[in-house]
Amino acid sequence: MGSAAIAFKDLGGSLARLPLAARLAMEDVHGKYRRTILGPLWIALGQAATIAGFVLVYSNLFGVAPQSFAIFLSAGIPVWVLMASYLSDMPNTFIAERGVIESYELPWLLHVWRRSFSYIILFVHHLLTFVVVMAIFHVEPTINMLYAIPGLLIVLFAGTGFGTFLAVVGARYRDLQPAMGVASGFLFLFTPVMWHPEQLRPELSWAYQYNPLYYYISVVREPLLGRLPEPNVWIGAGIGAIVLFFIGFVAFLMGRRRLYHWL
């Protein structure tokens, strides 16, 4: 069987087992908090503490009202954590699952979907902070918030595609994971997570306009804030997701036969 046939068979097998990947992801997340009193609620509490610290320090620094800054951060930081997870954690996917890969005949891409679903589950837990902040400041939900769902699906599709690329390359080059951890910290500064794009001078707009992460954070955060992203943001995020998924599959196709040796 040729490399392309193996890769397509693996992709089809992984898609057919998406419910299994989702169940395993749920077990992964909840397993980390087994025998704790609060369980997965610790995820939301950790996120809440981070946001509270940012609001206390940076609302004065940026000269913005703590209320509006808290709402802005509680909608944006969970999306950033989701995207950063793909960047910094996906390179280790096949390496970490080596024992499972050697013991069970499962599609390799199932492990990528499993991690991807675990990031989405963590995102939902993190989003509880946003719900609480809305309740504290009496913010009424709007119909526009539902547009965050297709935005999240775009992020899932793009992240899984690029995550596949990172998982393949990370199996060959073990330095990729720490390198991507450093890169995600650097990208945080150039992605409007802590600041509004409108706060930059026009000549500095390149800092976010040429940053693909800006488009992915916008298609989820803006609807959560009751606003709809501009059409060019939706188009950019959608086309980018298709391209990233294609890149990821091509990387998997080219490296599939070598993955056993790299592990």
C-alpha atoms as a PDB file:
ATOM      1  CA  MET A   1       0.000   0.000   0.000  1.00  0.00           C
ATOM      2  CA  GLY A   2       1.405   3.383  -1.019  1.00  0.00           C
ATOM      3  CA  SER A   3       2.027   6.292   1.338  1.00  0.00           C
ATOM      4  CA  ALA A   4      -0.989   8.227   0.056  1.00  0.00           C
ATOM      5  CA  ALA A   5      -3.315   5.254   0.522  1.00  0.00           C
ATOM      6  CA  ILE A   6      -2.020   4.717   4.072  1.00  0.00           C
ATOM      7  CA  ALA A   7      -2.443   8.381   4.940  1.00  0.00           C
ATOM      8  CA  PHE A   8      -5.987   8.567   3.546  1.00  0.00           C
ATOM      9  CA  LYS A   9      -6.928   5.325   5.296  1.00  0.00           C
ATOM     10  CA  ASP A  10      -5.606   6.733   8.560  1.00  0.00           C
ATOM     11  CA  LEU A  11      -7.540   9.977   8.069  1.00  0.00           C
ATOM     12  CA  GLY A  12     -10.754   8.098   7.331  1.00  0.00           C
ATOM     13  CA  GLY A  13     -10.250   5.812  10.308  1.00  0.00           C
ATOM     14  CA  SER A  14      -9.627   8.716  12.646  1.00  0.00           C
ATOM     15  CA  LEU A  15     -12.727  10.574  11.443  1.00  0.00           C
ATOM     16  CA  ALA A  16     -14.827   7.447  11.953  1.00  0.00           C
ATOM     17  CA  ARG A  17     -13.554   7.262  15.543  1.00  0.00           C
ATOM     18  CA  LEU A  18     -14.117  10.900  16.511  1.00  0.00           C
ATOM     19  CA  PRO A  19     -16.571   9.897  19.297  1.00  0.00           C
ATOM     20  CA  LEU A  20     -13.823   7.703  20.767  1.00  0.00           C
ATOM     21  CA  ALA A  21     -11.349  10.591  20.556  1.00  0.00           C
ATOM     22  CA  ALA A  22     -13.837  12.836  22.376  1.00  0.00           C
ATOM     23  CA  ARG A  23     -14.381  10.268  25.156  1.00  0.00           C
ATOM     24  CA  LEU A  24     -10.641   9.773  25.619  1.00  0.00           C
ATOM     25  CA  ALA A  25     -10.141  13.545  25.720  1.00  0.00           C
ATOM     26  CA  MET A  26     -12.788  13.864  28.425  1.00  0.00           C
ATOM     27  CA  GLU A  27     -11.052  11.163  30.453  1.00  0.00           C
ATOM     28  CA  ASP A  28      -7.699  12.915  29.991  1.00  0.00           C
ATOM     29  CA  VAL A  29      -9.020  16.215  31.362  1.00  0.00           C
ATOM     30  CA  HIS A  30     -11.043  14.792  34.226  1.00  0.00           C
ATOM     31  CA  GLY A  31      -8.335  12.257  35.087  1.00  0.00           C
ATOM     32  CA  LYS A  32      -5.950  15.067  36.021  1.00  0.00           C
ATOM     33  CA  TYR A  33      -8.318  16.165  38.801  1.00  0.00           C
ATOM     34  CA  ARG A  34      -9.434  12.761  40.048  1.00  0.00           C
ATOM     35  CA  ARG A  35      -9.722  12.600  43.867  1.00  0.00           C
ATOM     36  CA  THR A  36      -9.672  16.376  44.205  1.00  0.00           C
ATOM     37  CA  ILE A  37     -12.569  18.081  45.962  1.00  0.00           C
ATOM     38  CA  LEU A  38     -13.324  20.652  43.277  1.00  0.00           C
ATOM     39  CA  GLY A  39     -12.372  18.465  40.323  1.00  0.00           C
ATOM     40  CA  PRO A  40     -12.168  20.231  36.925  1.00  0.00           C
ATOM     41  CA  LEU A  41     -13.504  23.378  38.584  1.00  0.00           C
ATOM     42  CA  TRP A  42      -9.852  24.092  39.389  1.00  0.00           C
ATOM     43  CA  ILE A  43      -9.397  24.860  35.675  1.00  0.00           C
ATOM     44  CA  ALA A  44     -11.857  27.738  35.841  1.00  0.00           C
ATOM     45  CA  LEU A  45     -10.492  28.957  39.174  1.00  0.00           C
ATOM     46  CA  GLY A  46      -6.961  29.112  37.799  1.00  0.00           C
ATOM     47  CA  GLN A  47      -8.186  31.089  34.806  1.00  0.00           C
ATOM     48  CA  ALA A  48     -10.183  33.433  37.068  1.00  0.00           C
ATOM     49  CA  ALA A  49      -7.127  34.131  39.229  1.00  0.00           C
ATOM     50  CA  THR A  50      -5.037  34.963  36.161  1.00  0.00           C
ATOM     51  CA  ILE A  51      -7.653  37.337  34.760  1.00  0.00           C
ATOM     52  CA  ALA A  52      -8.162  39.020  38.141  1.00  0.00           C
ATOM     53  CA  GLY A  53      -4.423  39.654  38.384  1.00  0.00           C
ATOM     54  CA  PHE A  54      -4.290  41.109  34.874  1.00  0.00           C
ATOM     55  CA  VAL A  55      -7.260  43.378  35.582  1.00  0.00           C
ATOM     56  CA  LEU A  56      -5.784  44.688  38.833  1.00  0.00           C
ATOM     57  CA  VAL A  57      -2.421  45.502  37.246  1.00  0.00           C
ATOM     58  CA  TYR A  58      -3.086  46.397  33.625  1.00  0.00           C
ATOM     59  CA  SER A  59      -6.416  48.241  33.808  1.00  0.00           C
ATOM     60  CA  ASN A  60      -4.593  51.129  35.487  1.00  0.00           C
ATOM     61  CA  LEU A  61      -1.591  50.781  33.198  1.00  0.00           C
ATOM     62  CA  PHE A  62      -3.732  50.913  30.046  1.00  0.00           C
ATOM     63  CA  GLY A  63      -6.109  53.485  31.466  1.00  0.00           C
ATOM     64  CA  VAL A  64      -9.253  51.422  30.908  1.00  0.00           C
ATOM     65  CA  ALA A  65     -12.217  50.730  33.183  1.00  0.00           C
ATOM     66  CA  PRO A  66     -11.732  47.514  35.210  1.00  0.00           C
ATOM     67  CA  GLN A  67     -15.244  46.327  34.294  1.00  0.00           C
ATOM     68  CA  SER A  68     -14.796  46.539  30.519  1.00  0.00           C
ATOM     69  CA  PHE A  69     -11.236  45.171  30.760  1.00  0.00           C
ATOM     70  CA  ALA A  70     -12.410  42.176  32.807  1.00  0.00           C
ATOM     71  CA  ILE A  71     -15.068  41.342  30.217  1.00  0.00           C
ATOM     72  CA  PHE A  72     -12.585  41.783  27.365  1.00  0.00           C
ATOM     73  CA  LEU A  73      -9.960  39.554  28.996  1.00  0.00           C
ATOM     74  CA  SER A  74     -12.357  36.844  30.165  1.00  0.00           C
ATOM     75  CA  ALA A  75     -13.557  36.476  26.559  1.00  0.00           C
ATOM     76  CA  GLY A  76     -10.100  36.615  24.958  1.00  0.00           C
ATOM     77  CA  ILE A  77      -7.714  34.771  27.261  1.00  0.00           C
ATOM     78  CA  PRO A  78      -9.549  31.405  27.002  1.00  0.00           C
ATOM     79  CA  VAL A  79      -9.259  31.643  23.205  1.00  0.00           C
ATOM     80  CA  TRP A  80      -5.565  32.468  23.461  1.00  0.00           C
ATOM     81  CA  VAL A  81      -4.935  29.536  25.832  1.00  0.00           C
ATOM     82  CA  LEU A  82      -6.712  27.280  23.323  1.00  0.00           C
ATOM     83  CA  MET A  83      -4.513  28.452  20.443  1.00  0.00           C
ATOM     84  CA  ALA A  84      -1.333  28.387  22.520  1.00  0.00           C
ATOM     85  CA  SER A  85      -2.096  24.773  23.476  1.00  0.00           C
ATOM     86  CA  TYR A  86      -2.021  23.780  19.817  1.00  0.00           C
ATOM     87  CA  LEU A  87       1.303  25.552  19.343  1.00  0.00           C
ATOM     88  CA  SER A  88       3.149  24.381  22.442  1.00  0.00           C
ATOM     89  CA  ASP A  89       1.634  20.954  23.155  1.00  0.00           C
ATOM     90  CA  MET A  90       0.919  19.353  19.774  1.00  0.00           C
ATOM     91  CA  PRO A  91       4.601  18.751  18.834  1.00  0.00           C
ATOM     92  CA  ASN A  92       4.751  16.122  21.587  1.00  0.00           C
ATOM     93  CA  THR A  93       1.644  14.204  20.468  1.00  0.00           C
ATOM     94  CA  PHE A  94       3.118  11.094  18.838  1.00  0.00           C
ATOM     95  CA  ILE A  95       6.074  10.999  21.236  1.00  0.00           C
ATOM     96  CA  ALA A  96       3.803  10.983  24.295  1.00  0.00           C
ATOM     97  CA  GLU A  97       1.514   8.348  22.772  1.00  0.00           C
ATOM     98  CA  ARG A  98       4.340   5.999  21.763  1.00  0.00           C
ATOM     99  CA  GLY A  99       3.215   3.266  24.159  1.00  0.00           C
ATOM    100  CA  VAL A 100      -0.366   3.366  22.876  1.00  0.00           C
ATOM    101  CA  ILE A 101       0.810   3.423  19.257  1.00  0.00           C
ATOM    102  CA  GLU A 102       2.972   0.341  19.800  1.00  0.00           C
ATOM    103  CA  SER A 103       0.265  -1.543  21.716  1.00  0.00           C
ATOM    104  CA  TYR A 104      -2.900  -0.833  19.742  1.00  0.00           C
ATOM    105  CA  GLU A 105      -3.715  -0.600  16.049  1.00  0.00           C
ATOM    106  CA  LEU A 106      -5.393   2.772  16.044  1.00  0.00           C
ATOM    107  CA  PRO A 107      -5.193   5.524  13.430  1.00  0.00           C
ATOM    108  CA  TRP A 108      -2.289   7.829  14.197  1.00  0.00           C
ATOM    109  CA  LEU A 109      -4.404  10.903  13.594  1.00  0.00           C
ATOM    110  CA  LEU A 110      -6.785   9.753  16.324  1.00  0.00           C
ATOM    111  CA  HIS A 111      -4.172  10.954  18.819  1.00  0.00           C
ATOM    112  CA  VAL A 112      -4.164  14.399  17.203  1.00  0.00           C
ATOM    113  CA  TRP A 113      -7.966  14.617  17.402  1.00  0.00           C
ATOM    114  CA  ARG A 114      -7.837  13.407  21.001  1.00  0.00           C
ATOM    115  CA  ARG A 115      -5.569  16.251  22.033  1.00  0.00           C
ATOM    116  CA  SER A 116      -7.544  18.726  19.980  1.00  0.00           C
ATOM    117  CA  PHE A 117     -10.778  17.762  21.744  1.00  0.00           C
ATOM    118  CA  SER A 118      -9.060  17.998  25.134  1.00  0.00           C
ATOM    119  CA  TYR A 119      -8.111  21.602  24.340  1.00  0.00           C
ATOM    120  CA  ILE A 120     -11.749  22.365  23.461  1.00  0.00           C
ATOM    121  CA  ILE A 121     -12.914  20.828  26.749  1.00  0.00           C
ATOM    122  CA  LEU A 122     -10.422  22.960  28.653  1.00  0.00           C
ATOM    123  CA  PHE A 123     -11.635  25.996  26.707  1.00  0.00           C
ATOM    124  CA  VAL A 124     -15.203  25.358  27.849  1.00  0.00           C
ATOM    125  CA  HIS A 125     -14.035  25.169  31.465  1.00  0.00           C
ATOM    126  CA  HIS A 126     -12.041  28.374  31.043  1.00  0.00           C
ATOM    127  CA  LEU A 127     -15.080  30.081  29.570  1.00  0.00           C
ATOM    128  CA  LEU A 128     -16.912  29.657  32.878  1.00  0.00           C
ATOM    129  CA  THR A 129     -14.931  32.679  34.054  1.00  0.00           C
ATOM    130  CA  PHE A 130     -16.496  34.734  31.251  1.00  0.00           C
ATOM    131  CA  VAL A 131     -19.975  33.610  32.298  1.00  0.00           C
ATOM    132  CA  VAL A 132     -19.294  34.610  35.910  1.00  0.00           C
ATOM    133  CA  VAL A 133     -17.879  38.003  34.884  1.00  0.00           C
ATOM    134  CA  MET A 134     -20.957  38.655  32.752  1.00  0.00           C
ATOM    135  CA  ALA A 135     -23.181  37.837  35.721  1.00  0.00           C
ATOM    136  CA  ILE A 136     -21.182  40.053  38.095  1.00  0.00           C
ATOM    137  CA  PHE A 137     -21.410  43.065  35.794  1.00  0.00           C
ATOM    138  CA  HIS A 138     -24.995  42.319  34.668  1.00  0.00           C
ATOM    139  CA  VAL A 139     -24.114  41.899  30.987  1.00  0.00           C
ATOM    140  CA  GLU A 140     -27.061  40.561  28.996  1.00  0.00           C
ATOM    141  CA  PRO A 141     -26.327  37.776  26.479  1.00  0.00           C
ATOM    142  CA  THR A 142     -27.091  38.535  22.845  1.00  0.00           C
ATOM    143  CA  ILE A 143     -27.915  36.458  19.784  1.00  0.00           C
ATOM    144  CA  ASN A 144     -24.542  37.432  18.297  1.00  0.00           C
ATOM    145  CA  MET A 145     -22.822  35.237  20.887  1.00  0.00           C
ATOM    146  CA  LEU A 146     -23.994  32.166  18.969  1.00  0.00           C
ATOM    147  CA  TYR A 147     -21.581  33.101  16.179  1.00  0.00           C
ATOM    148  CA  ALA A 148     -18.785  32.029  18.523  1.00  0.00           C
ATOM    149  CA  ILE A 149     -19.750  28.418  17.751  1.00  0.00           C
ATOM    150  CA  PRO A 150     -18.783  28.482  14.036  1.00  0.00           C
ATOM    151  CA  GLY A 151     -15.759  30.543  15.058  1.00  0.00           C
ATOM    152  CA  LEU A 152     -14.719  27.817  17.491  1.00  0.00           C
ATOM    153  CA  LEU A 153     -15.174  25.170  14.794  1.00  0.00           C
ATOM    154  CA  ILE A 154     -12.856  27.159  12.515  1.00  0.00           C
ATOM    155  CA  VAL A 155     -10.240  27.281  15.287  1.00  0.00           C
ATOM    156  CA  LEU A 156     -10.663  23.533  15.882  1.00  0.00           C
ATOM    157  CA  PHE A 157     -10.206  22.787  12.179  1.00  0.00           C
ATOM    158  CA  ALA A 158      -7.192  25.086  11.813  1.00  0.00           C
ATOM    159  CA  GLY A 159      -5.602  23.921  15.057  1.00  0.00           C
ATOM    160  CA  THR A 160      -6.006  20.252  14.225  1.00  0.00           C
ATOM    161  CA  GLY A 161      -4.473  20.782  10.797  1.00  0.00           C
ATOM    162  CA  PHE A 162      -1.499  22.757  12.029  1.00  0.00           C
ATOM    163  CA  GLY A 163      -1.271  20.466  15.053  1.00  0.00           C
ATOM    164  CA  THR A 164      -0.849  17.503  12.711  1.00  0.00           C
ATOM    165  CA  PHE A 165       2.036  19.287  11.018  1.00  0.00           C
ATOM    166  CA  LEU A 166       3.627  20.029  14.405  1.00  0.00           C
ATOM    167  CA  ALA A 167       3.105  16.453  15.614  1.00  0.00           C
ATOM    168  CA  VAL A 168       4.877  15.014  12.563  1.00  0.00           C
ATOM    169  CA  VAL A 169       7.774  17.472  12.629  1.00  0.00           C
ATOM    170  CA  GLY A 170       7.983  17.241  16.437  1.00  0.00           C
ATOM    171  CA  ALA A 171       8.432  13.472  16.231  1.00  0.00           C
ATOM    172  CA  ARG A 172      11.504  14.040  14.061  1.00  0.00           C
ATOM    173  CA  TYR A 173      12.911  17.099  15.811  1.00  0.00           C
ATOM    174  CA  ARG A 174      12.475  17.000  19.594  1.00  0.00           C
ATOM    175  CA  ASP A 175      13.525  20.633  19.960  1.00  0.00           C
ATOM    176  CA  LEU A 176      10.320  21.751  18.275  1.00  0.00           C
ATOM    177  CA  GLN A 177       8.151  21.608  21.395  1.00  0.00           C
ATOM    178  CA  PRO A 178      10.289  23.910  23.575  1.00  0.00           C
ATOM    179  CA  ALA A 179      10.839  26.145  20.543  1.00  0.00           C
ATOM    180  CA  MET A 180       7.091  26.481  19.999  1.00  0.00           C
ATOM    181  CA  GLY A 181       6.658  27.259  23.687  1.00  0.00           C
ATOM    182  CA  VAL A 182       9.040  30.177  23.283  1.00  0.00           C
ATOM    183  CA  ALA A 183       7.333  31.228  20.042  1.00  0.00           C
ATOM    184  CA  SER A 184       3.872  31.235  21.634  1.00  0.00           C
ATOM    185  CA  GLY A 185       5.127  33.564  24.370  1.00  0.00           C
ATOM    186  CA  PHE A 186       6.506  35.897  21.721  1.00  0.00           C
ATOM    187  CA  LEU A 187       3.305  35.781  19.654  1.00  0.00           C
ATOM    188  CA  PHE A 188       1.271  36.654  22.741  1.00  0.00           C
ATOM    189  CA  LEU A 189       2.822  40.124  22.649  1.00  0.00           C
ATOM    190  CA  PHE A 190       1.808  40.678  19.010  1.00  0.00           C
ATOM    191  CA  THR A 191      -1.697  39.235  19.292  1.00  0.00           C
ATOM    192  CA  PRO A 192      -4.465  41.523  20.609  1.00  0.00           C
ATOM    193  CA  VAL A 193      -5.250  39.505  23.719  1.00  0.00           C
ATOM    194  CA  MET A 194      -4.425  42.148  26.330  1.00  0.00           C
ATOM    195  CA  TRP A 195      -4.979  45.135  24.056  1.00  0.00           C
ATOM    196  CA  HIS A 196      -7.461  46.351  21.446  1.00  0.00           C
ATOM    197  CA  PRO A 197      -6.268  46.710  17.840  1.00  0.00           C
ATOM    198  CA  GLU A 198      -7.725  50.236  17.926  1.00  0.00           C
ATOM    199  CA  GLN A 199      -5.165  51.176  20.578  1.00  0.00           C
ATOM    200  CA  LEU A 200      -2.306  50.954  18.077  1.00  0.00           C
ATOM    201  CA  ARG A 201      -1.265  53.785  15.846  1.00  0.00           C
ATOM    202  CA  PRO A 202      -2.154  53.192  12.161  1.00  0.00           C
ATOM    203  CA  GLU A 203       1.486  52.681  11.190  1.00  0.00           C
ATOM    204  CA  LEU A 204       1.686  49.786  13.692  1.00  0.00           C
ATOM    205  CA  SER A 205      -1.398  47.967  12.435  1.00  0.00           C
ATOM    206  CA  TRP A 206       0.852  45.358  10.806  1.00  0.00           C
ATOM    207  CA  ALA A 207       1.407  43.930  14.294  1.00  0.00           C
ATOM    208  CA  TYR A 208      -1.977  42.238  14.094  1.00  0.00           C
ATOM    209  CA  GLN A 209      -3.060  42.448  10.445  1.00  0.00           C
ATOM    210  CA  TYR A 210      -0.300  40.046   9.375  1.00  0.00           C
ATOM    211  CA  ASN A 211      -0.697  37.870  12.452  1.00  0.00           C
ATOM    212  CA  PRO A 212      -2.956  34.885  11.624  1.00  0.00           C
ATOM    213  CA  LEU A 213      -3.729  34.364  15.305  1.00  0.00           C
ATOM    214  CA  TYR A 214      -5.558  37.698  15.313  1.00  0.00           C
ATOM    215  CA  TYR A 215      -8.152  36.312  12.907  1.00  0.00           C
ATOM    216  CA  TYR A 216      -8.713  33.162  14.949  1.00  0.00           C
ATOM    217  CA  ILE A 217      -9.070  34.951  18.246  1.00  0.00           C
ATOM    218  CA  SER A 218     -11.453  37.459  16.630  1.00  0.00           C
ATOM    219  CA  VAL A 219     -13.925  34.893  15.232  1.00  0.00           C
ATOM    220  CA  VAL A 220     -14.523  33.606  18.762  1.00  0.00           C
ATOM    221  CA  ARG A 221     -13.972  36.594  21.043  1.00  0.00           C
ATOM    222  CA  GLU A 222     -15.897  39.200  19.061  1.00  0.00           C
ATOM    223  CA  PRO A 223     -19.168  37.214  19.075  1.00  0.00           C
ATOM    224  CA  LEU A 224     -18.732  36.534  22.800  1.00  0.00           C
ATOM    225  CA  LEU A 225     -18.548  40.298  23.278  1.00  0.00           C
ATOM    226  CA  GLY A 226     -21.749  40.721  21.278  1.00  0.00           C
ATOM    227  CA  ARG A 227     -20.026  41.975  18.142  1.00  0.00           C
ATOM    228  CA  LEU A 228     -19.658  40.393  14.726  1.00  0.00           C
ATOM    229  CA  PRO A 229     -16.200  40.216  13.125  1.00  0.00           C
ATOM    230  CA  GLU A 230     -15.692  41.916   9.790  1.00  0.00           C
ATOM    231  CA  PRO A 231     -16.284  39.705   6.706  1.00  0.00           C
ATOM    232  CA  ASN A 232     -12.568  39.796   5.863  1.00  0.00           C
ATOM    233  CA  VAL A 233     -11.820  38.300   9.290  1.00  0.00           C
ATOM    234  CA  TRP A 234     -14.204  35.387   8.688  1.00  0.00           C
ATOM    235  CA  ILE A 235     -12.802  34.854   5.200  1.00  0.00           C
ATOM    236  CA  GLY A 236      -9.192  35.025   6.364  1.00  0.00           C
ATOM    237  CA  ALA A 237      -9.798  32.604   9.226  1.00  0.00           C
ATOM    238  CA  GLY A 238     -11.760  30.186   7.032  1.00  0.00           C
ATOM    239  CA  ILE A 239      -9.261  30.113   4.170  1.00  0.00           C
ATOM    240  CA  GLY A 240      -6.414  29.852   6.655  1.00  0.00           C
ATOM    241  CA  ALA A 241      -8.060  26.854   8.321  1.00  0.00           C
ATOM    242  CA  ILE A 242      -8.378  25.030   4.991  1.00  0.00           C
ATOM    243  CA  VAL A 243      -4.747  25.770   4.103  1.00  0.00           C
ATOM    244  CA  LEU A 244      -3.483  24.670   7.523  1.00  0.00           C
ATOM    245  CA  PHE A 245      -5.457  21.425   7.395  1.00  0.00           C
ATOM    246  CA  PHE A 246      -4.040  20.723   3.940  1.00  0.00           C
ATOM    247  CA  ILE A 247      -0.492  21.441   5.137  1.00  0.00           C
ATOM    248  CA  GLY A 248      -0.973  19.159   8.107  1.00  0.00           C
ATOM    249  CA  PHE A 249      -2.252  16.285   5.998  1.00  0.00           C
ATOM    250  CA  VAL A 250       0.543  16.661   3.440  1.00  0.00           C
ATOM    251  CA  ALA A 251       3.108  16.578   6.267  1.00  0.00           C
ATOM    252  CA  PHE A 252       1.458  13.435   7.635  1.00  0.00           C
ATOM    253  CA  LEU A 253       1.380  11.863   4.169  1.00  0.00           C
ATOM    254  CA  MET A 254       5.091  12.526   3.655  1.00  0.00           C
ATOM    255  CA  GLY A 255       6.174  11.435   7.125  1.00  0.00           C
ATOM    256  CA  ARG A 256       3.771   8.561   7.868  1.00  0.00           C
ATOM    257  CA  ARG A 257       6.173   5.749   6.935  1.00  0.00           C
ATOM    258  CA  ARG A 258       9.034   7.305   8.911  1.00  0.00           C
ATOM    259  CA  LEU A 259       7.137   8.034  12.118  1.00  0.00           C
ATOM    260  CA  TYR A 260       7.833   4.600  13.620  1.00  0.00           C
ATOM    261  CA  HIS A 261      11.571   5.128  13.179  1.00  0.00           C
ATOM    262  CA  TRP A 262      11.467   8.658  14.583  1.00  0.00           C
ATOM    263  CA  LEU A 263       9.753   7.502  17.763  1.00  0.00           C
END
